[in-house]
Structure formats: structure tokens, C-alpha cells
Amino acid sequence: MPQHVQGVIAPGRNEPVRVETIVIPDPGPGEAVVKIQACGVCHTDLHYKQGAINDEFPFLLGHEAAGIVESVGEGVTDVAPGDFVILNWRAVCGTCRACLRGRPWYCFATHNAKQRMTLLDGTELSPALGIGAFAEKTLVASGQCTKVDPAVAPEVAGLLGCGVMAGIGAAINTGNVGRGDTVAVIGCGGVGNAAVVGARLAGAAKIIAVDIDDRKLDKAREMGATHTVNSRTADAVEAIRELTGGFGADVVIEAVGRPETYEQAFYARDLAGTVVLVGVPSPEMKLELPLIDVFGRGGSLKSSWYGDCLPSRDFPMLIDLHQQGRIDLAAFVTETIGLGDVEKAFARMHEGDVLRSVVVL
């Protein structure tokens, strides 16, 4: 029978979030109910609250989560009650043209649970990225559940559900960073610092972190950056070129999502270099570049959606690397909070002194 749990909703554009009673239906075919143990506060949740994604209010926020499968619906064989899982927002279909060509990370028919969670009065909720994990329990498609080693702390594992995976994947999967490459990362929040970690993991020889906040640059050095540039006081493009023998970086990862910083990334790469856009722009933003420069510089201009990850492949691998001590996922957790502290966490995000606030239930 349906369950009543507590969850954080965004009732309307730019309105304060609040904790409400949420109705969770029994899982239908292909669905699972997951008891949430931890969920990171991601900038995308703030975008939902601000109405920058769409206006399908009210939203059930939260998506960067880990927890325990409580129950599954008919036909579910990939997970079972008791499994410790990381939730992902791209459950691949296995049958679209991308999946059939062996590129499931590009799946064109990712899916979520078909049933809707509601408020007590029956108002349907829009779960953030099809997850809605700022809640004691949530309903998802079973394909959104990726089993990992339960020995890992939930507040650490859940970060792979979005920001950390996006950054690491931008470097390793999308940017194809290789041994000896020079890499620049513009924007050193959670995603940008994860890109620094990914570049280091891939064997980059030089990793240049760029930001306007010295606190974030200090954190980037802790994560593996070899050089830092404060672009409030220095020209980022010139600084990156100076640090790369005048050529520019082999791979530049833009983790801000603004036209100004994308233009910096474009001109800070070497000839035939790669630009990876992993920062999320808002719909009204426009980019203008001389087409002759796009042609003349060669190379690749890529966007990285979720780090081009395949959760079933990448989540367990990164958990293993964390357990081996080769990457420190716990370093991304700045603070742990409760459901009632999400609004304060959004404020701290603006202040720039957190990589991740994580709701622990």
C-alpha cells in the first residue's frame, strides 16, 4: 500500500523550499522504491527551484543519492530488496539506435518511473531529474538503481549520482584525457574539482585550475591541480597559454556554463585541442564565435552530459578506486545536514564555501 514519507519540495519559482508529507505508491512494473540514506545538494536542484529547468512545479528536489532498495515491481531482475544502490538519472533503454550501436551512454530513450509521487491532497510532484531524493523514500525506474559495494558510506557514494561523475567523466570519457596531456579546468566548484580528479586519474602531466575564488583554487590544488589561476586578477587565456609553452592546453574543461567562460576555454586550448562543456547554461544564453576561428583551430568542441557515463560500468569502478585510495570521494563532502536544512544549503552554495552539502537521513 502507498507510504507517507517526508520530502523537500519547491512549491513555486524562487519560493523557499519546505518539508512536506509525500505519498509514495507501491512500485509498478519496472519500478523500485528506494529508502534514501544520503543525497547531495546539487546546483541543478537550485536551478529547479528557480524555474530555470522548467515550470512543472511543485518539484520534489534531490537527485544525487544513495540508499537501499526496499521493494521492486513486476519484472525487475537487475536489483532486489536489500541492495545498496546509487541512483542515476539516465536509465538506459537498451533498444534505441544509440544503445544498439554500442553507445548506451548516449541513450536517446532514457526513462523514469511511470507513476507519480504526490502530496497528501493528490497534487502530482515532478521529481528532480526523475529521482526526487530529498525524501525518506522515493520511487524510480529500476534501471536508475546501480548496485555498488555497501561498505562505502552513503554520503560518499551518492555523489557519483551527479556532480562528481559529471566532472570525472568530462575528463576521462568526454575529454579523453591521456597520459602526459595538459588540462585546464575553468570553474572549480564540485564538478570542476571532480574534473581535476579525473584528469589526474587519467595521467595528465599538467592540470591548471581556473576560478575567481582563491578558496576554490586551494581546494583544486588539494584535489590534484598542479597550477592555479585566479581569473579575477589575471587573463585566464594568457595564463593558460603561458603555462603551456604558449600553445594552450590539450583539453580545456568548462565547468561554469557561461558564454564568457566558454570563450575562454575555446581560446585557451591548443590547436586541434578539445573543449568540453560540462557546466550547465541557462536557456537564454547565446554564444558568438568567429566561424573562421572554429574552422581554423580544428580539434573538437564537445558537450558532456553526465560525464558521458554508463552507470553500470562507471559507478562500481569509481567506488573501487575510492576504496583503493586512488581517489578521495569523501573530500567532496563539506558538511552533512538534515532535510530541514536544504534552504540554508542553497544559501551556502551561493557563498562559495562548500563543495557539497549532503543530506543524511
Protein backbone atom coordinates (compact mmCIF):
# COMPACT_ATOMS: atom_id res chain seq x y z
CA MET A 1 0.00 0.00 0.00
CA PRO A 2 1.16 3.62 -0.53
CA GLN A 3 3.55 5.03 2.05
CA HIS A 4 3.72 8.50 3.59
CA VAL A 5 7.23 9.96 3.99
CA GLN A 6 8.83 13.34 4.49
CA GLY A 7 10.36 15.11 1.49
CA VAL A 8 11.58 18.54 0.37
CA ILE A 9 9.53 20.30 -2.29
CA ALA A 10 9.96 23.51 -4.27
CA PRO A 11 6.39 24.87 -4.37
CA GLY A 12 6.94 27.66 -6.90
CA ARG A 13 9.52 29.76 -8.71
CA ASN A 14 12.10 31.11 -6.22
CA GLU A 15 9.88 30.25 -3.25
CA PRO A 16 11.61 28.80 -0.18
CA VAL A 17 11.66 25.02 -0.15
CA ARG A 18 9.72 23.23 2.55
CA VAL A 19 9.37 19.76 4.04
CA GLU A 20 6.04 18.11 3.20
CA THR A 21 4.44 14.69 3.52
CA ILE A 22 4.92 12.78 0.26
CA VAL A 23 2.85 9.80 -0.89
CA ILE A 24 4.97 7.01 -2.40
CA PRO A 25 2.98 4.45 -4.42
CA ASP A 26 3.84 0.77 -4.48
CA PRO A 27 6.31 0.06 -7.30
CA GLY A 28 4.73 -0.89 -10.60
CA PRO A 29 6.29 -2.96 -13.38
CA GLY A 30 9.92 -1.98 -13.87
CA GLU A 31 9.93 0.30 -10.80
CA ALA A 32 11.62 0.30 -7.39
CA VAL A 33 11.11 2.07 -4.07
CA VAL A 34 14.42 3.12 -2.53
CA LYS A 35 14.99 4.14 1.09
CA ILE A 36 17.28 7.15 0.79
CA GLN A 37 20.31 7.28 3.08
CA ALA A 38 22.09 10.34 1.69
CA CYS A 39 21.59 12.93 -1.06
CA GLY A 40 23.91 15.73 -2.14
CA VAL A 41 22.66 19.28 -2.66
CA CYS A 42 23.49 19.95 -6.31
CA HIS A 43 23.31 23.22 -8.22
CA THR A 44 20.76 21.57 -10.53
CA ASP A 45 18.33 21.40 -7.60
CA LEU A 46 18.71 25.15 -7.23
CA HIS A 47 18.00 25.52 -10.96
CA TYR A 48 14.76 23.60 -10.43
CA LYS A 49 13.79 25.84 -7.52
CA GLN A 50 14.47 28.93 -9.63
CA GLY A 51 12.37 27.63 -12.52
CA ALA A 52 15.42 27.52 -14.79
CA ILE A 53 14.76 23.92 -15.89
CA ASN A 54 11.01 24.10 -16.49
CA ASP A 55 7.90 25.33 -14.69
CA GLU A 56 6.37 21.98 -13.74
CA PHE A 57 6.01 22.91 -10.06
CA PRO A 58 5.86 21.59 -7.43
CA PHE A 59 9.16 19.75 -7.64
CA LEU A 60 10.36 17.02 -5.32
CA LEU A 61 14.01 18.02 -5.15
CA GLY A 62 17.17 15.93 -4.80
CA HIS A 63 18.83 13.52 -7.20
CA GLU A 64 22.45 12.87 -6.13
CA ALA A 65 21.64 9.96 -3.87
CA ALA A 66 22.38 6.52 -2.47
CA GLY A 67 20.21 4.17 -0.48
CA ILE A 68 18.72 0.72 -0.03
CA VAL A 69 16.19 -0.88 -2.38
CA GLU A 70 13.09 -1.52 -0.30
CA SER A 71 10.75 -3.11 -2.84
CA VAL A 72 10.55 -3.75 -6.58
CA GLY A 73 7.74 -4.13 -9.07
CA GLU A 74 6.87 -6.84 -11.52
CA GLY A 75 9.59 -7.88 -13.94
CA VAL A 76 12.50 -6.28 -12.08
CA THR A 77 15.54 -8.55 -12.10
CA ASP A 78 18.53 -6.19 -12.04
CA VAL A 79 18.10 -5.16 -8.39
CA ALA A 80 16.43 -6.73 -5.36
CA PRO A 81 15.28 -5.58 -1.92
CA GLY A 82 18.29 -5.01 0.31
CA ASP A 83 20.65 -3.92 -2.46
CA PHE A 84 22.74 -0.81 -1.78
CA VAL A 85 22.44 1.42 -4.84
CA ILE A 86 23.44 4.76 -6.28
CA LEU A 87 20.60 6.45 -8.14
CA ASN A 88 21.22 7.73 -11.65
CA TRP A 89 19.07 9.93 -13.84
CA ARG A 90 19.77 8.17 -17.13
CA ALA A 91 18.33 4.67 -17.07
CA VAL A 92 19.34 3.36 -20.49
CA CYS A 93 16.71 1.62 -22.60
CA GLY A 94 18.93 -0.92 -24.37
CA THR A 95 16.92 -0.75 -27.60
CA CYS A 96 17.32 2.75 -29.10
CA ARG A 97 19.68 3.43 -32.01
CA ALA A 98 22.48 4.59 -29.66
CA CYS A 99 22.20 1.51 -27.44
CA LEU A 100 22.07 -0.82 -30.43
CA ARG A 101 25.23 0.77 -31.84
CA GLY A 102 27.07 0.00 -28.60
CA ARG A 103 26.95 3.57 -27.27
CA PRO A 104 24.47 3.32 -24.39
CA TRP A 105 25.90 6.40 -22.66
CA TYR A 106 24.22 8.35 -25.48
CA CYS A 107 20.87 6.54 -24.97
CA PHE A 108 18.10 8.55 -26.64
CA ALA A 109 15.26 6.96 -24.68
CA THR A 110 16.28 7.09 -21.02
CA HIS A 111 13.32 6.64 -18.71
CA ASN A 112 11.98 7.20 -15.20
CA ALA A 113 9.21 5.71 -13.09
CA LYS A 114 5.83 5.88 -14.82
CA GLN A 115 3.83 6.50 -11.65
CA ARG A 116 3.88 9.89 -9.96
CA MET A 117 4.54 10.64 -6.32
CA THR A 118 2.07 13.13 -4.83
CA LEU A 119 1.30 15.40 -1.91
CA LEU A 120 -1.39 14.30 0.53
CA ASP A 121 -4.03 16.24 -1.42
CA GLY A 122 -3.18 14.34 -4.60
CA THR A 123 -1.08 17.09 -6.22
CA GLU A 124 1.39 15.36 -8.54
CA LEU A 125 5.06 16.09 -7.96
CA SER A 126 7.78 16.48 -10.58
CA PRO A 127 10.83 14.62 -9.24
CA ALA A 128 14.11 16.40 -9.97
CA LEU A 129 15.85 14.58 -12.83
CA GLY A 130 13.28 11.82 -12.44
CA ILE A 131 14.54 10.95 -8.94
CA GLY A 132 13.32 13.24 -6.13
CA ALA A 133 15.66 12.07 -3.37
CA PHE A 134 15.39 14.80 -0.73
CA ALA A 135 12.96 12.36 0.83
CA GLU A 136 12.98 9.41 3.18
CA LYS A 137 11.98 7.19 0.24
CA THR A 138 11.47 7.69 -3.48
CA LEU A 139 10.08 5.85 -6.49
CA VAL A 140 12.32 5.34 -9.53
CA ALA A 141 12.69 3.12 -12.57
CA SER A 142 14.71 0.07 -11.58
CA GLY A 143 17.28 0.97 -14.25
CA GLN A 144 18.04 4.11 -12.25
CA CYS A 145 19.47 1.91 -9.48
CA THR A 146 23.12 0.86 -9.76
CA LYS A 147 24.40 -1.68 -7.26
CA VAL A 148 27.73 -0.87 -5.58
CA ASP A 149 29.72 -2.15 -2.60
CA PRO A 150 27.69 -1.43 0.56
CA ALA A 151 30.89 -0.87 2.55
CA VAL A 152 31.09 2.69 1.17
CA ALA A 153 29.47 5.47 3.19
CA PRO A 154 26.19 6.59 1.55
CA GLU A 155 27.12 10.28 1.72
CA VAL A 156 30.21 9.47 -0.34
CA ALA A 157 28.65 7.02 -2.78
CA GLY A 158 25.70 9.25 -3.60
CA LEU A 159 27.93 11.97 -5.04
CA LEU A 160 28.59 9.77 -8.04
CA GLY A 161 24.90 10.12 -8.86
CA CYS A 162 25.54 13.51 -10.46
CA GLY A 163 28.24 16.13 -9.85
CA VAL A 164 31.33 14.05 -9.17
CA MET A 165 30.51 11.64 -12.01
CA ALA A 166 29.87 14.58 -14.34
CA GLY A 167 33.28 16.08 -13.63
CA ILE A 168 35.34 12.90 -13.65
CA GLY A 169 33.52 11.72 -16.78
CA ALA A 170 34.09 15.05 -18.53
CA ALA A 171 37.82 14.44 -18.23
CA ILE A 172 38.02 10.69 -18.78
CA ASN A 173 35.07 9.85 -21.02
CA THR A 174 34.33 13.02 -22.98
CA GLY A 175 37.71 14.75 -23.00
CA ASN A 176 39.67 11.51 -23.41
CA VAL A 177 42.46 12.95 -21.28
CA GLY A 178 45.56 10.80 -21.65
CA ARG A 179 48.95 10.38 -20.04
CA GLY A 180 51.10 13.47 -20.43
CA ASP A 181 48.28 15.77 -21.55
CA THR A 182 47.91 19.34 -20.38
CA VAL A 183 44.46 20.10 -19.00
CA ALA A 184 42.78 23.31 -17.89
CA VAL A 185 39.60 23.34 -15.81
CA ILE A 186 37.60 26.57 -15.73
CA GLY A 187 35.33 26.74 -12.70
CA CYS A 188 36.33 24.84 -9.56
CA GLY A 189 33.13 24.02 -7.76
CA GLY A 190 32.15 20.41 -7.16
CA VAL A 191 32.02 19.46 -10.85
CA GLY A 192 35.19 21.34 -11.77
CA ASN A 193 37.18 19.82 -8.93
CA ALA A 194 35.88 16.41 -9.95
CA ALA A 195 37.26 17.13 -13.43
CA VAL A 196 40.62 17.88 -11.79
CA VAL A 197 40.44 14.49 -10.08
CA GLY A 198 39.54 12.83 -13.37
CA ALA A 199 42.42 14.49 -15.20
CA ARG A 200 44.87 13.42 -12.51
CA LEU A 201 43.49 9.88 -12.59
CA ALA A 202 43.97 9.78 -16.37
CA GLY A 203 47.64 10.75 -16.03
CA ALA A 204 47.61 14.40 -17.10
CA ALA A 205 51.05 15.98 -16.74
CA LYS A 206 49.80 19.49 -16.02
CA ILE A 207 46.40 20.44 -14.58
CA ILE A 208 45.58 24.15 -14.48
CA ALA A 209 42.64 25.16 -12.29
CA VAL A 210 40.93 28.49 -13.04
CA ASP A 211 38.45 30.29 -10.79
CA ILE A 212 37.73 33.70 -9.28
CA ASP A 213 37.74 32.37 -5.70
CA ASP A 214 41.04 31.54 -4.02
CA ARG A 215 39.29 29.13 -1.64
CA LYS A 216 38.15 27.02 -4.58
CA LEU A 217 41.61 27.18 -6.11
CA ASP A 218 43.16 25.98 -2.86
CA LYS A 219 40.74 23.04 -2.91
CA ALA A 220 41.66 22.34 -6.52
CA ARG A 221 45.32 22.04 -5.53
CA GLU A 222 44.33 19.57 -2.82
CA MET A 223 42.46 17.58 -5.47
CA GLY A 224 45.46 17.41 -7.80
CA ALA A 225 45.80 20.69 -9.74
CA THR A 226 49.43 21.49 -10.48
CA HIS A 227 48.80 25.18 -11.19
CA THR A 228 46.06 27.69 -10.36
CA VAL A 229 44.89 30.92 -11.99
CA ASN A 230 42.63 33.50 -10.35
CA SER A 231 40.84 34.91 -13.38
CA ARG A 232 39.59 37.87 -11.38
CA THR A 233 43.13 39.24 -11.36
CA ALA A 234 44.71 37.54 -14.41
CA ASP A 235 43.70 36.89 -18.01
CA ALA A 236 42.78 33.22 -17.96
CA VAL A 237 43.61 32.59 -21.61
CA GLU A 238 47.01 34.23 -21.44
CA ALA A 239 47.82 32.50 -18.17
CA ILE A 240 46.95 29.06 -19.54
CA ARG A 241 48.99 29.69 -22.67
CA GLU A 242 51.95 30.88 -20.61
CA LEU A 243 51.80 27.68 -18.54
CA THR A 244 51.70 25.51 -21.68
CA GLY A 245 54.64 26.88 -23.61
CA GLY A 246 52.50 29.43 -25.42
CA PHE A 247 50.33 26.78 -27.08
CA GLY A 248 47.28 26.27 -24.89
CA ALA A 249 46.01 23.14 -23.15
CA ASP A 250 45.30 19.86 -24.89
CA VAL A 251 41.93 19.67 -23.14
CA VAL A 252 40.01 22.55 -21.58
CA ILE A 253 37.02 21.66 -19.43
CA GLU A 254 34.47 24.43 -18.91
CA ALA A 255 32.58 23.74 -15.68
CA VAL A 256 30.72 27.05 -15.35
CA GLY A 257 28.27 27.09 -18.23
CA ARG A 258 28.52 30.74 -19.31
CA PRO A 259 29.35 32.24 -22.71
CA GLU A 260 32.26 34.24 -21.28
CA THR A 261 33.97 31.24 -19.74
CA TYR A 262 33.25 29.07 -22.77
CA GLU A 263 35.00 31.64 -24.96
CA GLN A 264 37.97 31.50 -22.58
CA ALA A 265 38.01 27.72 -22.93
CA PHE A 266 37.83 27.97 -26.72
CA TYR A 267 40.85 30.23 -27.00
CA ALA A 268 42.82 28.59 -24.18
CA ARG A 269 43.11 25.25 -26.00
CA ASP A 270 45.94 24.25 -28.24
CA LEU A 271 45.43 23.91 -31.99
CA ALA A 272 43.48 20.69 -32.57
CA GLY A 273 42.75 20.64 -28.84
CA THR A 274 39.46 19.74 -27.19
CA VAL A 275 36.92 21.89 -25.37
CA VAL A 276 34.49 20.07 -23.07
CA LEU A 277 31.41 21.92 -21.85
CA VAL A 278 30.14 20.31 -18.65
CA GLY A 279 28.82 23.46 -16.95
CA VAL A 280 25.07 23.82 -17.47
CA PRO A 281 23.98 27.04 -19.26
CA SER A 282 20.55 28.59 -18.89
CA PRO A 283 18.19 28.59 -21.90
CA GLU A 284 18.56 32.28 -22.75
CA MET A 285 22.36 32.25 -23.08
CA LYS A 286 23.89 32.79 -26.53
CA LEU A 287 27.41 32.15 -27.79
CA GLU A 288 29.06 34.09 -30.59
CA LEU A 289 32.39 33.00 -32.07
CA PRO A 290 34.04 33.84 -35.41
CA LEU A 291 33.31 30.84 -37.60
CA ILE A 292 36.76 31.13 -39.17
CA ASP A 293 38.25 30.52 -35.70
CA VAL A 294 36.08 27.45 -35.22
CA PHE A 295 37.30 26.16 -38.57
CA GLY A 296 40.90 27.30 -38.32
CA ARG A 297 41.70 25.96 -34.86
CA GLY A 298 40.47 22.44 -35.61
CA GLY A 299 40.06 19.98 -32.80
CA SER A 300 36.83 19.16 -31.03
CA LEU A 301 34.10 21.11 -29.28
CA LYS A 302 32.13 18.70 -27.10
CA SER A 303 29.39 18.84 -24.54
CA SER A 304 29.47 16.35 -21.68
CA TRP A 305 26.10 15.23 -20.39
CA TYR A 306 26.51 13.37 -17.11
CA GLY A 307 30.16 12.85 -18.00
CA ASP A 308 29.11 10.54 -20.85
CA CYS A 309 28.92 7.89 -18.16
CA LEU A 310 27.44 4.42 -18.20
CA PRO A 311 26.40 3.98 -14.55
CA SER A 312 26.63 0.19 -14.57
CA ARG A 313 30.25 0.49 -15.74
CA ASP A 314 31.47 3.69 -14.11
CA PHE A 315 29.89 3.76 -10.65
CA PRO A 316 31.36 0.45 -9.41
CA MET A 317 34.73 1.30 -10.98
CA LEU A 318 34.97 4.65 -9.19
CA ILE A 319 33.83 3.13 -5.91
CA ASP A 320 36.62 0.56 -6.28
CA LEU A 321 39.16 3.31 -6.93
CA HIS A 322 37.94 5.16 -3.84
CA GLN A 323 38.32 2.02 -1.72
CA GLN A 324 41.84 1.52 -3.09
CA GLY A 325 42.73 5.07 -2.02
CA ARG A 326 43.34 6.22 -5.59
CA ILE A 327 40.61 8.87 -5.45
CA ASP A 328 39.19 10.52 -2.34
CA LEU A 329 35.45 10.91 -2.86
CA ALA A 330 34.99 11.89 0.78
CA ALA A 331 36.95 15.09 0.11
CA PHE A 332 33.91 16.45 -1.74
CA VAL A 333 31.68 16.27 1.36
CA THR A 334 31.89 19.65 3.09
CA GLU A 335 29.04 19.13 5.54
CA THR A 336 26.18 16.76 6.36
CA ILE A 337 22.73 18.21 7.06
CA GLY A 338 19.10 17.22 7.60
CA LEU A 339 16.06 17.58 5.34
CA GLY A 340 15.11 20.83 7.05
CA ASP A 341 18.46 22.44 6.18
CA VAL A 342 18.23 22.36 2.37
CA GLU A 343 17.28 26.04 2.03
CA LYS A 344 20.32 27.01 4.11
CA ALA A 345 22.46 24.74 1.95
CA PHE A 346 21.35 26.67 -1.15
CA ALA A 347 22.48 29.88 0.57
CA ARG A 348 25.87 28.36 1.40
CA MET A 349 26.20 27.31 -2.22
CA HIS A 350 25.95 30.98 -3.21
CA GLU A 351 28.60 31.90 -0.64
CA GLY A 352 31.04 29.55 -2.38
CA ASP A 353 32.43 27.86 0.72
CA VAL A 354 31.11 24.34 0.09
CA LEU A 355 31.81 21.67 -2.47
CA ARG A 356 28.85 19.59 -1.33
CA SER A 357 26.32 19.79 1.45
CA VAL A 358 24.89 16.29 1.83
CA VAL A 359 21.51 15.47 3.36
CA VAL A 360 21.82 12.39 5.57
CA LEU A 361 18.67 10.53 6.58
